[in-house]
Amino acid sequence: MSAPAEPGRFRLPCWALPLGLMALLGIGLWCATVTSMALVLVTVGVPLSPVLLLVLRAFADLHRRRLTEVTGVVVPPPLRAGAAQIISTPEASASGTPVISRGRLVTPAGAPGTRFVQLDHLPDRRGSAGE
């Protein structure tokens, strides 16, 4: 089996310039997002904050994909897929109250990536453990 081909002499420097410019754009987006959150008190930030947060998240996903292309290392998204999941059951629609069964509710406790509180079985109203 042969070793993987080494990247060309100019491949990584050619990728460094776009990634560096993307980093500068990301810093500007982050500053605009933080400023819009501060402007919520003046009601100007109310429509700006959600829009800028979505743009910043899309930009971060784009930056992760580009970094994966360059380095070959997959950078996972900061949020776990399906972190909070409530499973709808026939009992829930019949009674009108939400029922969580065979689901997993995961809530971040503290900073992202540090600790998670995981509840596998939630007691129902009668006090017995769910399935």
N, C-alpha and C. Protein backbone atom coordinates (compact mmCIF):
# COMPACT_ATOMS: atom_id res chain seq x y z
N MET A 1 0.84 -1.16 0.00
CA MET A 1 0.00 0.00 0.00
C MET A 1 0.89 1.24 0.00
N SER A 2 0.55 2.21 -0.81
CA SER A 2 1.38 3.41 -0.90
C SER A 2 0.91 4.47 0.09
N ALA A 3 1.83 5.31 0.47
CA ALA A 3 1.53 6.40 1.41
C ALA A 3 0.69 7.45 0.70
N PRO A 4 -0.16 8.17 1.44
CA PRO A 4 -0.95 9.22 0.80
C PRO A 4 -0.05 10.31 0.23
N ALA A 5 -0.50 10.88 -0.85
CA ALA A 5 0.30 11.90 -1.53
C ALA A 5 0.41 13.15 -0.65
N GLU A 6 1.61 13.69 -0.62
CA GLU A 6 1.84 14.93 0.13
C GLU A 6 1.16 16.08 -0.61
N PRO A 7 0.62 17.04 0.13
CA PRO A 7 0.01 18.18 -0.55
C PRO A 7 1.06 18.96 -1.32
N GLY A 8 0.62 19.60 -2.38
CA GLY A 8 1.54 20.40 -3.19
C GLY A 8 2.17 21.52 -2.39
N ARG A 9 3.24 22.05 -2.92
CA ARG A 9 4.00 23.07 -2.20
C ARG A 9 3.18 24.33 -1.93
N PHE A 10 2.28 24.65 -2.85
CA PHE A 10 1.52 25.88 -2.72
C PHE A 10 0.07 25.66 -2.28
N ARG A 11 -0.30 24.40 -2.04
CA ARG A 11 -1.70 24.13 -1.70
C ARG A 11 -2.09 24.75 -0.37
N LEU A 12 -1.35 24.50 0.69
CA LEU A 12 -1.71 25.02 2.00
C LEU A 12 -1.59 26.55 2.08
N PRO A 13 -0.53 27.16 1.54
CA PRO A 13 -0.52 28.64 1.57
C PRO A 13 -1.66 29.26 0.77
N CYS A 14 -2.06 28.60 -0.32
CA CYS A 14 -3.18 29.12 -1.11
C CYS A 14 -4.50 29.01 -0.35
N TRP A 15 -4.61 28.02 0.52
CA TRP A 15 -5.81 27.91 1.35
C TRP A 15 -5.74 28.84 2.56
N ALA A 16 -4.55 29.19 2.99
CA ALA A 16 -4.40 30.02 4.19
C ALA A 16 -4.98 31.41 3.98
N LEU A 17 -4.82 31.97 2.81
CA LEU A 17 -5.33 33.32 2.56
C LEU A 17 -6.86 33.37 2.64
N PRO A 18 -7.60 32.49 1.94
CA PRO A 18 -9.07 32.54 2.09
C PRO A 18 -9.53 32.23 3.51
N LEU A 19 -8.88 31.28 4.18
CA LEU A 19 -9.28 30.97 5.56
C LEU A 19 -8.99 32.15 6.49
N GLY A 20 -7.89 32.85 6.26
CA GLY A 20 -7.59 34.03 7.07
C GLY A 20 -8.59 35.15 6.84
N LEU A 21 -8.98 35.35 5.58
CA LEU A 21 -9.99 36.37 5.28
C LEU A 21 -11.34 35.99 5.86
N MET A 22 -11.65 34.69 5.83
CA MET A 22 -12.90 34.23 6.45
C MET A 22 -12.87 34.46 7.95
N ALA A 23 -11.71 34.29 8.57
CA ALA A 23 -11.60 34.52 10.01
C ALA A 23 -11.85 35.99 10.33
N LEU A 24 -11.31 36.89 9.52
CA LEU A 24 -11.55 38.32 9.73
C LEU A 24 -13.04 38.66 9.57
N LEU A 25 -13.67 38.08 8.57
CA LEU A 25 -15.10 38.29 8.37
C LEU A 25 -15.89 37.74 9.56
N GLY A 26 -15.45 36.60 10.08
CA GLY A 26 -16.11 36.01 11.25
C GLY A 26 -16.00 36.90 12.48
N ILE A 27 -14.86 37.53 12.66
CA ILE A 27 -14.70 38.45 13.80
C ILE A 27 -15.66 39.63 13.65
N GLY A 28 -15.78 40.15 12.44
CA GLY A 28 -16.72 41.24 12.20
C GLY A 28 -18.17 40.82 12.45
N LEU A 29 -18.53 39.62 12.00
CA LEU A 29 -19.89 39.12 12.25
C LEU A 29 -20.14 38.93 13.74
N TRP A 30 -19.15 38.42 14.45
CA TRP A 30 -19.30 38.21 15.89
C TRP A 30 -19.50 39.55 16.60
N CYS A 31 -18.71 40.55 16.23
CA CYS A 31 -18.85 41.89 16.85
C CYS A 31 -20.22 42.48 16.55
N ALA A 32 -20.70 42.33 15.32
CA ALA A 32 -22.03 42.84 14.97
C ALA A 32 -23.11 42.12 15.76
N THR A 33 -22.96 40.82 15.96
CA THR A 33 -23.94 40.05 16.73
C THR A 33 -23.98 40.50 18.18
N VAL A 34 -22.82 40.66 18.79
CA VAL A 34 -22.77 41.10 20.19
C VAL A 34 -23.35 42.51 20.32
N THR A 35 -23.04 43.38 19.37
CA THR A 35 -23.58 44.74 19.40
C THR A 35 -25.10 44.73 19.25
N SER A 36 -25.62 43.87 18.37
CA SER A 36 -27.08 43.82 18.19
C SER A 36 -27.76 43.30 19.45
N MET A 37 -27.10 42.40 20.18
CA MET A 37 -27.68 41.92 21.43
C MET A 37 -27.73 43.04 22.47
N ALA A 38 -26.72 43.89 22.47
CA ALA A 38 -26.73 45.03 23.40
C ALA A 38 -27.80 46.04 22.99
N LEU A 39 -28.10 46.12 21.70
CA LEU A 39 -29.10 47.07 21.21
C LEU A 39 -30.53 46.57 21.41
N VAL A 40 -30.70 45.39 21.96
CA VAL A 40 -32.05 44.89 22.25
C VAL A 40 -32.75 45.83 23.22
N LEU A 41 -31.99 46.44 24.12
CA LEU A 41 -32.57 47.37 25.08
C LEU A 41 -33.20 48.58 24.40
N VAL A 42 -32.71 48.93 23.23
CA VAL A 42 -33.23 50.08 22.49
C VAL A 42 -34.21 49.62 21.42
N THR A 43 -34.54 48.35 21.39
CA THR A 43 -35.45 47.67 20.45
C THR A 43 -34.93 47.60 19.02
N VAL A 44 -33.79 48.19 18.73
CA VAL A 44 -33.21 48.06 17.39
C VAL A 44 -32.66 46.65 17.21
N GLY A 45 -32.14 46.08 18.29
CA GLY A 45 -31.53 44.76 18.21
C GLY A 45 -32.52 43.62 18.17
N VAL A 46 -33.80 43.89 18.45
CA VAL A 46 -34.79 42.80 18.46
C VAL A 46 -34.88 42.12 17.10
N PRO A 47 -35.02 42.85 15.98
CA PRO A 47 -35.02 42.14 14.70
C PRO A 47 -33.62 41.76 14.21
N LEU A 48 -32.60 42.48 14.67
CA LEU A 48 -31.25 42.21 14.18
C LEU A 48 -30.63 40.96 14.79
N SER A 49 -30.84 40.74 16.07
CA SER A 49 -30.16 39.65 16.77
C SER A 49 -30.45 38.27 16.17
N PRO A 50 -31.72 37.88 15.95
CA PRO A 50 -31.95 36.55 15.38
C PRO A 50 -31.35 36.38 13.99
N VAL A 51 -31.44 37.45 13.19
CA VAL A 51 -30.90 37.37 11.83
C VAL A 51 -29.38 37.20 11.87
N LEU A 52 -28.72 38.01 12.69
CA LEU A 52 -27.26 37.92 12.77
C LEU A 52 -26.80 36.60 13.39
N LEU A 53 -27.56 36.07 14.34
CA LEU A 53 -27.20 34.76 14.90
C LEU A 53 -27.29 33.66 13.85
N LEU A 54 -28.33 33.71 13.01
CA LEU A 54 -28.44 32.71 11.94
C LEU A 54 -27.31 32.86 10.92
N VAL A 55 -26.98 34.10 10.57
CA VAL A 55 -25.88 34.33 9.62
C VAL A 55 -24.56 33.86 10.22
N LEU A 56 -24.34 34.15 11.50
CA LEU A 56 -23.10 33.73 12.15
C LEU A 56 -22.99 32.21 12.22
N ARG A 57 -24.10 31.53 12.49
CA ARG A 57 -24.07 30.07 12.54
C ARG A 57 -23.81 29.46 11.16
N ALA A 58 -24.46 30.01 10.13
CA ALA A 58 -24.22 29.52 8.77
C ALA A 58 -22.77 29.76 8.36
N PHE A 59 -22.23 30.90 8.75
CA PHE A 59 -20.83 31.21 8.45
C PHE A 59 -19.90 30.23 9.15
N ALA A 60 -20.19 29.91 10.41
CA ALA A 60 -19.36 28.96 11.15
C ALA A 60 -19.41 27.57 10.51
N ASP A 61 -20.58 27.16 10.03
CA ASP A 61 -20.69 25.87 9.35
C ASP A 61 -19.87 25.86 8.06
N LEU A 62 -19.92 26.96 7.31
CA LEU A 62 -19.12 27.07 6.09
C LEU A 62 -17.63 27.00 6.42
N HIS A 63 -17.22 27.70 7.47
CA HIS A 63 -15.81 27.70 7.88
C HIS A 63 -15.38 26.29 8.30
N ARG A 64 -16.25 25.56 9.00
CA ARG A 64 -15.93 24.18 9.39
C ARG A 64 -15.74 23.28 8.17
N ARG A 65 -16.62 23.44 7.17
CA ARG A 65 -16.50 22.61 5.96
C ARG A 65 -15.20 22.91 5.21
N ARG A 66 -14.86 24.19 5.07
CA ARG A 66 -13.62 24.56 4.39
C ARG A 66 -12.40 24.02 5.13
N LEU A 67 -12.42 24.12 6.45
CA LEU A 67 -11.31 23.63 7.25
C LEU A 67 -11.16 22.11 7.10
N THR A 68 -12.28 21.41 7.00
CA THR A 68 -12.24 19.96 6.80
C THR A 68 -11.64 19.63 5.44
N GLU A 69 -11.97 20.42 4.41
CA GLU A 69 -11.40 20.20 3.08
C GLU A 69 -9.89 20.39 3.09
N VAL A 70 -9.42 21.38 3.82
CA VAL A 70 -7.99 21.71 3.81
C VAL A 70 -7.19 20.71 4.63
N THR A 71 -7.61 20.50 5.87
CA THR A 71 -6.80 19.68 6.78
C THR A 71 -7.18 18.21 6.77
N GLY A 72 -8.39 17.89 6.35
CA GLY A 72 -8.84 16.51 6.38
C GLY A 72 -9.37 16.08 7.74
N VAL A 73 -9.35 16.99 8.71
CA VAL A 73 -9.85 16.69 10.06
C VAL A 73 -11.28 17.21 10.13
N VAL A 74 -12.20 16.32 10.52
CA VAL A 74 -13.60 16.71 10.62
C VAL A 74 -13.81 17.49 11.92
N VAL A 75 -14.31 18.70 11.79
CA VAL A 75 -14.61 19.53 12.95
C VAL A 75 -16.11 19.40 13.21
N PRO A 76 -16.51 18.76 14.31
CA PRO A 76 -17.94 18.55 14.54
C PRO A 76 -18.64 19.84 14.92
N PRO A 77 -19.93 19.92 14.62
CA PRO A 77 -20.68 21.11 15.05
C PRO A 77 -20.77 21.15 16.57
N PRO A 78 -20.92 22.33 17.15
CA PRO A 78 -20.92 22.44 18.61
C PRO A 78 -22.15 21.84 19.26
N LEU A 79 -23.25 21.70 18.54
CA LEU A 79 -24.47 21.15 19.11
C LEU A 79 -24.63 19.70 18.71
N ARG A 80 -25.03 18.88 19.64
CA ARG A 80 -25.26 17.48 19.34
C ARG A 80 -26.58 17.33 18.60
N ALA A 81 -26.60 16.50 17.58
CA ALA A 81 -27.83 16.27 16.83
C ALA A 81 -28.83 15.55 17.72
N GLY A 82 -30.04 16.04 17.74
CA GLY A 82 -31.08 15.41 18.55
C GLY A 82 -30.85 15.55 20.03
N ALA A 83 -30.26 16.67 20.46
CA ALA A 83 -29.93 16.83 21.87
C ALA A 83 -31.17 16.85 22.74
N ALA A 84 -32.17 17.57 22.35
CA ALA A 84 -33.41 17.58 23.11
C ALA A 84 -34.49 17.01 22.22
N GLN A 85 -35.05 15.91 22.62
CA GLN A 85 -35.99 15.22 21.76
C GLN A 85 -37.18 14.78 22.58
N ILE A 86 -38.35 15.22 22.20
CA ILE A 86 -39.59 14.77 22.83
C ILE A 86 -40.32 13.95 21.80
N ILE A 87 -40.61 12.72 22.14
CA ILE A 87 -41.26 11.81 21.21
C ILE A 87 -42.76 11.88 21.43
N SER A 88 -43.48 12.15 20.38
CA SER A 88 -44.93 12.22 20.47
C SER A 88 -45.50 10.81 20.48
N THR A 89 -46.44 10.57 21.35
CA THR A 89 -47.06 9.24 21.46
C THR A 89 -48.56 9.37 21.30
N PRO A 90 -49.24 8.27 20.99
CA PRO A 90 -50.71 8.33 20.89
C PRO A 90 -51.36 8.78 22.19
N GLU A 91 -50.73 8.43 23.33
CA GLU A 91 -51.30 8.84 24.61
C GLU A 91 -51.31 10.36 24.74
N ALA A 92 -50.28 11.00 24.18
CA ALA A 92 -50.18 12.46 24.28
C ALA A 92 -51.31 13.13 23.52
N SER A 93 -51.61 12.63 22.33
CA SER A 93 -52.66 13.27 21.54
C SER A 93 -54.04 12.99 22.13
N ALA A 94 -54.22 11.83 22.77
CA ALA A 94 -55.52 11.49 23.34
C ALA A 94 -55.79 12.30 24.61
N SER A 95 -54.77 12.44 25.46
CA SER A 95 -54.99 13.11 26.75
C SER A 95 -54.77 14.62 26.67
N GLY A 96 -54.06 15.09 25.66
CA GLY A 96 -53.79 16.50 25.54
C GLY A 96 -52.58 16.97 26.33
N THR A 97 -51.97 16.08 27.12
CA THR A 97 -50.77 16.43 27.88
C THR A 97 -49.57 15.77 27.23
N PRO A 98 -48.43 16.43 27.21
CA PRO A 98 -47.26 15.82 26.59
C PRO A 98 -46.76 14.62 27.38
N VAL A 99 -46.41 13.58 26.67
CA VAL A 99 -45.88 12.36 27.29
C VAL A 99 -44.51 12.11 26.68
N ILE A 100 -43.52 11.91 27.52
CA ILE A 100 -42.18 11.59 27.04
C ILE A 100 -41.94 10.12 27.33
N SER A 101 -41.72 9.35 26.29
CA SER A 101 -41.44 7.94 26.51
C SER A 101 -40.42 7.47 25.50
N ARG A 102 -39.54 6.61 25.93
CA ARG A 102 -38.48 6.06 25.09
C ARG A 102 -37.70 7.16 24.40
N GLY A 103 -37.61 8.28 25.04
CA GLY A 103 -36.87 9.40 24.48
C GLY A 103 -35.72 9.75 25.38
N ARG A 104 -34.96 10.70 24.96
CA ARG A 104 -33.84 11.15 25.77
C ARG A 104 -33.84 12.66 25.75
N LEU A 105 -33.81 13.24 26.91
CA LEU A 105 -33.78 14.68 27.03
C LEU A 105 -32.41 15.05 27.57
N VAL A 106 -31.66 15.79 26.79
CA VAL A 106 -30.31 16.17 27.19
C VAL A 106 -30.26 17.69 27.24
N THR A 107 -29.85 18.20 28.36
CA THR A 107 -29.81 19.64 28.57
C THR A 107 -28.39 20.06 28.91
N PRO A 108 -27.86 21.09 28.24
CA PRO A 108 -26.52 21.53 28.62
C PRO A 108 -26.53 22.13 30.02
N ALA A 109 -25.57 21.74 30.82
CA ALA A 109 -25.42 22.29 32.17
C ALA A 109 -24.10 23.03 32.22
N GLY A 110 -24.12 24.30 32.02
CA GLY A 110 -22.89 25.08 31.98
C GLY A 110 -22.51 25.40 30.55
N ALA A 111 -21.24 25.56 30.34
CA ALA A 111 -20.74 25.92 29.01
C ALA A 111 -20.90 24.74 28.06
N PRO A 112 -21.09 25.01 26.76
CA PRO A 112 -21.23 23.93 25.79
C PRO A 112 -20.00 23.02 25.78
N GLY A 113 -20.24 21.74 25.76
CA GLY A 113 -19.16 20.77 25.67
C GLY A 113 -18.57 20.38 27.01
N THR A 114 -19.05 20.94 28.10
CA THR A 114 -18.46 20.59 29.39
C THR A 114 -19.21 19.46 30.06
N ARG A 115 -20.47 19.68 30.39
CA ARG A 115 -21.26 18.65 31.07
C ARG A 115 -22.66 18.64 30.49
N PHE A 116 -23.29 17.50 30.58
CA PHE A 116 -24.67 17.37 30.14
C PHE A 116 -25.45 16.64 31.20
N VAL A 117 -26.65 17.09 31.43
CA VAL A 117 -27.56 16.38 32.31
C VAL A 117 -28.39 15.49 31.40
N GLN A 118 -28.37 14.21 31.63
CA GLN A 118 -29.07 13.29 30.76
C GLN A 118 -30.15 12.59 31.55
N LEU A 119 -31.36 12.71 31.07
CA LEU A 119 -32.50 12.08 31.71
C LEU A 119 -33.01 11.01 30.76
N ASP A 120 -32.77 9.74 31.09
CA ASP A 120 -33.24 8.66 30.23
C ASP A 120 -34.68 8.29 30.53
N HIS A 121 -35.03 8.30 31.78
CA HIS A 121 -36.39 7.91 32.17
C HIS A 121 -36.98 9.00 33.03
N LEU A 122 -38.05 9.58 32.55
CA LEU A 122 -38.72 10.63 33.31
C LEU A 122 -39.94 10.03 33.99
N PRO A 123 -40.17 10.33 35.25
CA PRO A 123 -41.36 9.79 35.92
C PRO A 123 -42.62 10.43 35.35
N ASP A 124 -43.67 9.64 35.25
CA ASP A 124 -44.94 10.21 34.79
C ASP A 124 -45.68 10.79 35.99
N ARG A 125 -46.90 11.19 35.78
CA ARG A 125 -47.65 11.87 36.84
C ARG A 125 -47.93 10.96 38.03
N ARG A 126 -47.98 9.66 37.81
CA ARG A 126 -48.26 8.73 38.90
C ARG A 126 -47.02 8.44 39.73
N GLY A 127 -45.85 8.89 39.28
CA GLY A 127 -44.63 8.70 40.05
C GLY A 127 -43.84 7.47 39.65
N SER A 128 -44.34 6.64 38.73
CA SER A 128 -43.57 5.47 38.30
C SER A 128 -42.66 5.87 37.16
N ALA A 129 -41.59 5.11 36.99
CA ALA A 129 -40.62 5.42 35.94
C ALA A 129 -41.22 5.09 34.59
N GLY A 130 -40.92 5.94 33.59
CA GLY A 130 -41.39 5.70 32.23
C GLY A 130 -40.59 4.60 31.57
N GLU A 131 -41.06 4.21 30.40
CA GLU A 131 -40.37 3.12 29.70
C GLU A 131 -39.09 3.60 29.09
